[in-house]
Amino acid sequence: MQVPLWLALLVVGYLGVKLIRPPAWLIAVLLVGGFLLADSVLAPAINALVK
């Protein structure tokens, strides 16, 4: 069974918010920070680190 990445991330994110209940500001910081890092000059370094 193949699940699209966006669906898997959506389910994991939903369960994480429901079970762990992090503060809203932390969720916003992670989302905005990830978005900004993905479009920065650090993106190739992060990609190499993840792989």
N, C-alpha and C. Protein backbone atom coordinates (compact mmCIF):
# COMPACT_ATOMS: atom_id res chain seq x y z
N MET A 1 0.83 -1.17 0.00
CA MET A 1 0.00 0.00 0.00
C MET A 1 0.89 1.25 0.00
N GLN A 2 0.65 2.13 -0.92
CA GLN A 2 1.42 3.36 -1.01
C GLN A 2 0.55 4.53 -0.56
N VAL A 3 1.08 5.29 0.39
CA VAL A 3 0.37 6.45 0.92
C VAL A 3 1.13 7.70 0.48
N PRO A 4 0.42 8.70 -0.06
CA PRO A 4 1.11 9.94 -0.44
C PRO A 4 1.75 10.60 0.78
N LEU A 5 2.88 11.26 0.57
CA LEU A 5 3.61 11.90 1.66
C LEU A 5 2.76 12.95 2.36
N TRP A 6 2.02 13.73 1.59
CA TRP A 6 1.22 14.80 2.19
C TRP A 6 0.15 14.22 3.11
N LEU A 7 -0.40 13.07 2.75
CA LEU A 7 -1.42 12.46 3.60
C LEU A 7 -0.81 11.89 4.88
N ALA A 8 0.35 11.27 4.76
CA ALA A 8 1.04 10.74 5.93
C ALA A 8 1.41 11.87 6.89
N LEU A 9 1.92 12.98 6.36
CA LEU A 9 2.29 14.12 7.21
C LEU A 9 1.07 14.74 7.87
N LEU A 10 -0.02 14.79 7.14
CA LEU A 10 -1.26 15.33 7.69
C LEU A 10 -1.77 14.48 8.86
N VAL A 11 -1.75 13.17 8.69
CA VAL A 11 -2.21 12.26 9.75
C VAL A 11 -1.29 12.33 10.97
N VAL A 12 0.02 12.31 10.75
CA VAL A 12 0.97 12.38 11.86
C VAL A 12 0.85 13.72 12.58
N GLY A 13 0.71 14.79 11.83
CA GLY A 13 0.55 16.11 12.44
C GLY A 13 -0.73 16.21 13.25
N TYR A 14 -1.82 15.69 12.71
CA TYR A 14 -3.10 15.73 13.42
C TYR A 14 -3.03 14.93 14.72
N LEU A 15 -2.48 13.73 14.64
CA LEU A 15 -2.36 12.90 15.83
C LEU A 15 -1.42 13.53 16.86
N GLY A 16 -0.33 14.13 16.39
CA GLY A 16 0.60 14.78 17.30
C GLY A 16 -0.03 15.94 18.05
N VAL A 17 -0.84 16.74 17.33
CA VAL A 17 -1.50 17.87 17.98
C VAL A 17 -2.56 17.38 18.96
N LYS A 18 -3.29 16.35 18.58
CA LYS A 18 -4.35 15.84 19.46
C LYS A 18 -3.78 15.14 20.70
N LEU A 19 -2.71 14.38 20.54
CA LEU A 19 -2.19 13.60 21.66
C LEU A 19 -1.24 14.37 22.56
N ILE A 20 -0.36 15.19 21.96
CA ILE A 20 0.67 15.87 22.74
C ILE A 20 0.21 17.27 23.19
N ARG A 21 -0.67 17.90 22.41
CA ARG A 21 -1.20 19.23 22.69
C ARG A 21 -0.11 20.29 22.86
N PRO A 22 0.73 20.49 21.82
CA PRO A 22 1.74 21.55 21.92
C PRO A 22 1.07 22.92 21.81
N PRO A 23 1.72 23.96 22.28
CA PRO A 23 1.14 25.31 22.17
C PRO A 23 1.05 25.74 20.70
N ALA A 24 0.08 26.59 20.42
CA ALA A 24 -0.16 27.04 19.04
C ALA A 24 1.06 27.80 18.49
N TRP A 25 1.76 28.56 19.33
CA TRP A 25 2.90 29.33 18.84
C TRP A 25 4.01 28.40 18.38
N LEU A 26 4.17 27.25 19.04
CA LEU A 26 5.20 26.30 18.64
C LEU A 26 4.89 25.69 17.27
N ILE A 27 3.65 25.38 17.04
CA ILE A 27 3.24 24.85 15.74
C ILE A 27 3.50 25.89 14.65
N ALA A 28 3.14 27.14 14.92
CA ALA A 28 3.34 28.21 13.94
C ALA A 28 4.83 28.42 13.65
N VAL A 29 5.65 28.40 14.68
CA VAL A 29 7.10 28.59 14.49
C VAL A 29 7.69 27.46 13.66
N LEU A 30 7.29 26.23 13.92
CA LEU A 30 7.80 25.10 13.16
C LEU A 30 7.36 25.16 11.69
N LEU A 31 6.11 25.52 11.45
CA LEU A 31 5.62 25.60 10.08
C LEU A 31 6.29 26.73 9.31
N VAL A 32 6.34 27.92 9.90
CA VAL A 32 6.96 29.06 9.21
C VAL A 32 8.46 28.86 9.07
N GLY A 33 9.10 28.34 10.11
CA GLY A 33 10.55 28.09 10.04
C GLY A 33 10.90 27.05 8.98
N GLY A 34 10.12 25.99 8.89
CA GLY A 34 10.36 24.98 7.86
C GLY A 34 10.16 25.53 6.47
N PHE A 35 9.13 26.36 6.32
CA PHE A 35 8.86 26.97 5.02
C PHE A 35 10.01 27.89 4.61
N LEU A 36 10.49 28.69 5.54
CA LEU A 36 11.58 29.62 5.22
C LEU A 36 12.89 28.88 4.97
N LEU A 37 13.17 27.83 5.72
CA LEU A 37 14.40 27.07 5.51
C LEU A 37 14.39 26.33 4.18
N ALA A 38 13.24 25.88 3.75
CA ALA A 38 13.14 25.14 2.50
C ALA A 38 13.47 26.01 1.30
N ASP A 39 13.30 27.32 1.44
CA ASP A 39 13.56 28.23 0.33
C ASP A 39 14.83 29.05 0.53
N SER A 40 15.70 28.62 1.44
CA SER A 40 16.90 29.39 1.75
C SER A 40 18.13 28.74 1.12
N VAL A 41 19.27 29.37 1.34
CA VAL A 41 20.53 28.82 0.82
C VAL A 41 20.96 27.60 1.63
N LEU A 42 20.34 27.38 2.78
CA LEU A 42 20.66 26.22 3.60
C LEU A 42 19.95 24.95 3.15
N ALA A 43 19.04 25.08 2.21
CA ALA A 43 18.25 23.92 1.78
C ALA A 43 19.12 22.77 1.26
N PRO A 44 20.15 23.00 0.42
CA PRO A 44 20.98 21.87 -0.02
C PRO A 44 21.72 21.21 1.14
N ALA A 45 22.17 21.97 2.11
CA ALA A 45 22.87 21.39 3.26
C ALA A 45 21.91 20.54 4.10
N ILE A 46 20.71 21.03 4.28
CA ILE A 46 19.71 20.27 5.05
C ILE A 46 19.34 19.00 4.30
N ASN A 47 19.20 19.11 2.98
CA ASN A 47 18.87 17.95 2.16
C ASN A 47 19.97 16.90 2.26
N ALA A 48 21.22 17.31 2.22
CA ALA A 48 22.33 16.37 2.33
C ALA A 48 22.37 15.74 3.73
N LEU A 49 22.03 16.53 4.74
CA LEU A 49 22.03 16.03 6.12
C LEU A 49 20.92 15.01 6.33
N VAL A 50 19.77 15.24 5.72
CA VAL A 50 18.63 14.34 5.89
C VAL A 50 18.88 13.02 5.16
N LYS A 51 19.50 13.11 4.00
CA LYS A 51 19.78 11.89 3.24
C LYS A 51 20.96 11.21 3.85
